Amino acid sequence: MNNVVCGDCWRRENLTFAQRLDPAFIRPGFAYLCAEHRACRAELLGRTEFGQTAA
């Protein structure tokens, strides 16, 4: 039970669509994200690969 799981992957697999939209289930800043979800968040936030904002 001590396996590290990507927070976004866990939400996709274990919550319904309505629950994913519910503010009660939205928790910012998961401790671990897989490479795919890390890249998605960086793209949405407009960051480059080293966490700096794009000009």
PDB file of N, CA and C in Angstrom:
ATOM      1  N   MET A   1       0.815  -1.195   0.000  1.00  0.00           N
ATOM      2  CA  MET A   1       0.000   0.000   0.000  1.00  0.00           C
ATOM      3  C   MET A   1       0.863   1.265   0.000  1.00  0.00           C
ATOM      4  N   ASN A   2       2.173   1.105   0.026  1.00  0.00           N
ATOM      5  CA  ASN A   2       3.067   2.250   0.029  1.00  0.00           C
ATOM      6  C   ASN A   2       3.566   2.598  -1.365  1.00  0.00           C
ATOM      7  N   ASN A   3       2.847   2.192  -2.396  1.00  0.00           N
ATOM      8  CA  ASN A   3       3.256   2.497  -3.761  1.00  0.00           C
ATOM      9  C   ASN A   3       2.974   3.963  -4.062  1.00  0.00           C
ATOM     10  N   VAL A   4       3.905   4.623  -4.747  1.00  0.00           N
ATOM     11  CA  VAL A   4       3.714   6.000  -5.163  1.00  0.00           C
ATOM     12  C   VAL A   4       2.876   5.996  -6.430  1.00  0.00           C
ATOM     13  N   VAL A   5       1.784   6.756  -6.408  1.00  0.00           N
ATOM     14  CA  VAL A   5       0.875   6.813  -7.545  1.00  0.00           C
ATOM     15  C   VAL A   5       0.699   8.273  -7.948  1.00  0.00           C
ATOM     16  N   CYS A   6       0.692   8.517  -9.232  1.00  0.00           N
ATOM     17  CA  CYS A   6       0.454   9.866  -9.743  1.00  0.00           C
ATOM     18  C   CYS A   6      -0.932  10.328  -9.294  1.00  0.00           C
ATOM     19  N   GLY A   7      -1.002  11.516  -8.735  1.00  0.00           N
ATOM     20  CA  GLY A   7      -2.274  12.046  -8.242  1.00  0.00           C
ATOM     21  C   GLY A   7      -3.308  12.202  -9.339  1.00  0.00           C
ATOM     22  N   ASP A   8      -2.900  12.690 -10.515  1.00  0.00           N
ATOM     23  CA  ASP A   8      -3.837  12.870 -11.617  1.00  0.00           C
ATOM     24  C   ASP A   8      -4.319  11.531 -12.175  1.00  0.00           C
ATOM     25  N   CYS A   9      -3.427  10.552 -12.260  1.00  0.00           N
ATOM     26  CA  CYS A   9      -3.827   9.219 -12.726  1.00  0.00           C
ATOM     27  C   CYS A   9      -4.820   8.593 -11.738  1.00  0.00           C
ATOM     28  N   TRP A  10      -4.554   8.754 -10.456  1.00  0.00           N
ATOM     29  CA  TRP A  10      -5.453   8.198  -9.439  1.00  0.00           C
ATOM     30  C   TRP A  10      -6.839   8.819  -9.543  1.00  0.00           C
ATOM     31  N   ARG A  11      -6.882  10.134  -9.723  1.00  0.00           N
ATOM     32  CA  ARG A  11      -8.179  10.814  -9.843  1.00  0.00           C
ATOM     33  C   ARG A  11      -8.946  10.309 -11.054  1.00  0.00           C
ATOM     34  N   ARG A  12      -8.245  10.137 -12.198  1.00  0.00           N
ATOM     35  CA  ARG A  12      -8.898   9.679 -13.424  1.00  0.00           C
ATOM     36  C   ARG A  12      -9.471   8.275 -13.255  1.00  0.00           C
ATOM     37  N   GLU A  13      -8.751   7.410 -12.535  1.00  0.00           N
ATOM     38  CA  GLU A  13      -9.164   6.021 -12.389  1.00  0.00           C
ATOM     39  C   GLU A  13     -10.191   5.803 -11.284  1.00  0.00           C
ATOM     40  N   ASN A  14     -10.230   6.666 -10.270  1.00  0.00           N
ATOM     41  CA  ASN A  14     -11.048   6.390  -9.097  1.00  0.00           C
ATOM     42  C   ASN A  14     -12.209   7.343  -8.853  1.00  0.00           C
ATOM     43  N   LEU A  15     -12.271   8.444  -9.574  1.00  0.00           N
ATOM     44  CA  LEU A  15     -13.362   9.392  -9.379  1.00  0.00           C
ATOM     45  C   LEU A  15     -14.222   9.456 -10.633  1.00  0.00           C
ATOM     46  N   THR A  16     -15.501   9.708 -10.426  1.00  0.00           N
ATOM     47  CA  THR A  16     -16.394   9.899 -11.566  1.00  0.00           C
ATOM     48  C   THR A  16     -16.155  11.277 -12.163  1.00  0.00           C
ATOM     49  N   PHE A  17     -16.729  11.522 -13.329  1.00  0.00           N
ATOM     50  CA  PHE A  17     -16.558  12.818 -13.977  1.00  0.00           C
ATOM     51  C   PHE A  17     -17.091  13.932 -13.091  1.00  0.00           C
ATOM     52  N   ALA A  18     -18.254  13.726 -12.493  1.00  0.00           N
ATOM     53  CA  ALA A  18     -18.844  14.743 -11.611  1.00  0.00           C
ATOM     54  C   ALA A  18     -17.956  15.005 -10.397  1.00  0.00           C
ATOM     55  N   GLN A  19     -17.368  13.969  -9.836  1.00  0.00           N
ATOM     56  CA  GLN A  19     -16.487  14.146  -8.686  1.00  0.00           C
ATOM     57  C   GLN A  19     -15.231  14.915  -9.067  1.00  0.00           C
ATOM     58  N   ARG A  20     -14.712  14.680 -10.273  1.00  0.00           N
ATOM     59  CA  ARG A  20     -13.506  15.398 -10.707  1.00  0.00           C
ATOM     60  C   ARG A  20     -13.771  16.887 -10.858  1.00  0.00           C
ATOM     61  N   LEU A  21     -15.008  17.287 -11.116  1.00  0.00           N
ATOM     62  CA  LEU A  21     -15.367  18.700 -11.240  1.00  0.00           C
ATOM     63  C   LEU A  21     -15.727  19.331  -9.898  1.00  0.00           C
ATOM     64  N   ASP A  22     -16.027  18.518  -8.902  1.00  0.00           N
ATOM     65  CA  ASP A  22     -16.452  18.993  -7.591  1.00  0.00           C
ATOM     66  C   ASP A  22     -15.263  19.609  -6.840  1.00  0.00           C
ATOM     67  N   PRO A  23     -15.387  20.854  -6.372  1.00  0.00           N
ATOM     68  CA  PRO A  23     -14.282  21.498  -5.647  1.00  0.00           C
ATOM     69  C   PRO A  23     -13.843  20.732  -4.399  1.00  0.00           C
ATOM     70  N   ALA A  24     -14.703  19.934  -3.824  1.00  0.00           N
ATOM     71  CA  ALA A  24     -14.338  19.166  -2.635  1.00  0.00           C
ATOM     72  C   ALA A  24     -13.272  18.112  -2.956  1.00  0.00           C
ATOM     73  N   PHE A  25     -13.197  17.671  -4.197  1.00  0.00           N
ATOM     74  CA  PHE A  25     -12.238  16.640  -4.588  1.00  0.00           C
ATOM     75  C   PHE A  25     -10.987  17.219  -5.249  1.00  0.00           C
ATOM     76  N   ILE A  26     -10.936  18.528  -5.448  1.00  0.00           N
ATOM     77  CA  ILE A  26      -9.785  19.148  -6.094  1.00  0.00           C
ATOM     78  C   ILE A  26      -8.767  19.504  -5.030  1.00  0.00           C
ATOM     79  N   ARG A  27      -7.602  18.893  -5.133  1.00  0.00           N
ATOM     80  CA  ARG A  27      -6.534  19.169  -4.185  1.00  0.00           C
ATOM     81  C   ARG A  27      -5.304  19.610  -4.958  1.00  0.00           C
ATOM     82  N   PRO A  28      -4.920  20.866  -4.825  1.00  0.00           N
ATOM     83  CA  PRO A  28      -3.753  21.347  -5.567  1.00  0.00           C
ATOM     84  C   PRO A  28      -2.452  20.777  -5.021  1.00  0.00           C
ATOM     85  N   GLY A  29      -1.501  20.608  -5.903  1.00  0.00           N
ATOM     86  CA  GLY A  29      -0.157  20.226  -5.497  1.00  0.00           C
ATOM     87  C   GLY A  29       0.019  18.817  -4.992  1.00  0.00           C
ATOM     88  N   PHE A  30      -0.240  17.842  -5.827  1.00  0.00           N
ATOM     89  CA  PHE A  30       0.037  16.463  -5.445  1.00  0.00           C
ATOM     90  C   PHE A  30       1.532  16.275  -5.265  1.00  0.00           C
ATOM     91  N   ALA A  31       1.912  15.416  -4.361  1.00  0.00           N
ATOM     92  CA  ALA A  31       3.326  15.181  -4.077  1.00  0.00           C
ATOM     93  C   ALA A  31       4.026  14.520  -5.264  1.00  0.00           C
ATOM     94  N   TYR A  32       3.307  13.728  -6.043  1.00  0.00           N
ATOM     95  CA  TYR A  32       3.937  13.029  -7.158  1.00  0.00           C
ATOM     96  C   TYR A  32       3.045  13.090  -8.389  1.00  0.00           C
ATOM     97  N   LEU A  33       3.639  13.424  -9.519  1.00  0.00           N
ATOM     98  CA  LEU A  33       2.966  13.364 -10.805  1.00  0.00           C
ATOM     99  C   LEU A  33       3.848  12.585 -11.766  1.00  0.00           C
ATOM    100  N   CYS A  34       3.217  11.767 -12.607  1.00  0.00           N
ATOM    101  CA  CYS A  34       3.985  11.033 -13.609  1.00  0.00           C
ATOM    102  C   CYS A  34       4.508  12.027 -14.646  1.00  0.00           C
ATOM    103  N   ALA A  35       5.425  11.590 -15.478  1.00  0.00           N
ATOM    104  CA  ALA A  35       6.050  12.464 -16.465  1.00  0.00           C
ATOM    105  C   ALA A  35       5.020  13.079 -17.410  1.00  0.00           C
ATOM    106  N   GLU A  36       4.009  12.294 -17.790  1.00  0.00           N
ATOM    107  CA  GLU A  36       2.978  12.790 -18.705  1.00  0.00           C
ATOM    108  C   GLU A  36       2.196  13.941 -18.082  1.00  0.00           C
ATOM    109  N   HIS A  37       1.763  13.769 -16.837  1.00  0.00           N
ATOM    110  CA  HIS A  37       0.976  14.811 -16.192  1.00  0.00           C
ATOM    111  C   HIS A  37       1.829  16.012 -15.782  1.00  0.00           C
ATOM    112  N   ARG A  38       3.091  15.787 -15.452  1.00  0.00           N
ATOM    113  CA  ARG A  38       3.999  16.898 -15.165  1.00  0.00           C
ATOM    114  C   ARG A  38       4.154  17.783 -16.407  1.00  0.00           C
ATOM    115  N   ALA A  39       4.304  17.153 -17.575  1.00  0.00           N
ATOM    116  CA  ALA A  39       4.444  17.895 -18.832  1.00  0.00           C
ATOM    117  C   ALA A  39       3.153  18.648 -19.165  1.00  0.00           C
ATOM    118  N   CYS A  40       2.012  18.024 -18.925  1.00  0.00           N
ATOM    119  CA  CYS A  40       0.724  18.682 -19.188  1.00  0.00           C
ATOM    120  C   CYS A  40       0.556  19.921 -18.317  1.00  0.00           C
ATOM    121  N   ARG A  41       0.869  19.794 -17.040  1.00  0.00           N
ATOM    122  CA  ARG A  41       0.739  20.942 -16.135  1.00  0.00           C
ATOM    123  C   ARG A  41       1.717  22.044 -16.491  1.00  0.00           C
ATOM    124  N   ALA A  42       2.935  21.677 -16.868  1.00  0.00           N
ATOM    125  CA  ALA A  42       3.926  22.676 -17.253  1.00  0.00           C
ATOM    126  C   ALA A  42       3.462  23.424 -18.499  1.00  0.00           C
ATOM    127  N   GLU A  43       2.871  22.691 -19.444  1.00  0.00           N
ATOM    128  CA  GLU A  43       2.370  23.315 -20.660  1.00  0.00           C
ATOM    129  C   GLU A  43       1.222  24.266 -20.352  1.00  0.00           C
ATOM    130  N   LEU A  44       0.307  23.852 -19.483  1.00  0.00           N
ATOM    131  CA  LEU A  44      -0.825  24.702 -19.125  1.00  0.00           C
ATOM    132  C   LEU A  44      -0.378  25.956 -18.382  1.00  0.00           C
ATOM    133  N   LEU A  45       0.663  25.833 -17.585  1.00  0.00           N
ATOM    134  CA  LEU A  45       1.159  26.969 -16.821  1.00  0.00           C
ATOM    135  C   LEU A  45       2.147  27.817 -17.606  1.00  0.00           C
ATOM    136  N   GLY A  46       2.495  27.380 -18.824  1.00  0.00           N
ATOM    137  CA  GLY A  46       3.409  28.126 -19.673  1.00  0.00           C
ATOM    138  C   GLY A  46       4.839  28.087 -19.191  1.00  0.00           C
ATOM    139  N   ARG A  47       5.238  26.974 -18.630  1.00  0.00           N
ATOM    140  CA  ARG A  47       6.594  26.847 -18.106  1.00  0.00           C
ATOM    141  C   ARG A  47       7.458  26.029 -19.047  1.00  0.00           C
ATOM    142  N   THR A  48       8.738  26.301 -18.975  1.00  0.00           N
ATOM    143  CA  THR A  48       9.696  25.499 -19.738  1.00  0.00           C
ATOM    144  C   THR A  48      10.039  24.274 -18.905  1.00  0.00           C
ATOM    145  N   GLU A  49      10.922  23.429 -19.404  1.00  0.00           N
ATOM    146  CA  GLU A  49      11.178  22.152 -18.726  1.00  0.00           C
ATOM    147  C   GLU A  49      11.859  22.303 -17.376  1.00  0.00           C
ATOM    148  N   PHE A  50      12.492  23.443 -17.091  1.00  0.00           N
ATOM    149  CA  PHE A  50      13.150  23.625 -15.806  1.00  0.00           C
ATOM    150  C   PHE A  50      12.327  24.451 -14.833  1.00  0.00           C
ATOM    151  N   GLY A  51      11.032  24.618 -15.094  1.00  0.00           N
ATOM    152  CA  GLY A  51      10.162  25.285 -14.153  1.00  0.00           C
ATOM    153  C   GLY A  51      10.178  26.806 -14.230  1.00  0.00           C
ATOM    154  N   GLN A  52      10.804  27.371 -15.263  1.00  0.00           N
ATOM    155  CA  GLN A  52      10.814  28.813 -15.411  1.00  0.00           C
ATOM    156  C   GLN A  52       9.722  29.221 -16.385  1.00  0.00           C
ATOM    157  N   THR A  53       9.168  30.393 -16.197  1.00  0.00           N
ATOM    158  CA  THR A  53       8.104  30.828 -17.070  1.00  0.00           C
ATOM    159  C   THR A  53       8.670  31.206 -18.437  1.00  0.00           C
ATOM    160  N   ALA A  54       7.867  30.955 -19.454  1.00  0.00           N
ATOM    161  CA  ALA A  54       8.274  31.281 -20.814  1.00  0.00           C
ATOM    162  C   ALA A  54       8.082  32.773 -21.044  1.00  0.00           C
ATOM    163  N   ALA A  55       8.885  33.356 -21.875  1.00  0.00           N
ATOM    164  CA  ALA A  55       8.819  34.809 -22.138  1.00  0.00           C
ATOM    165  C   ALA A  55       7.726  35.157 -23.113  1.00  0.00           C
TER     166      ALA A  55
END
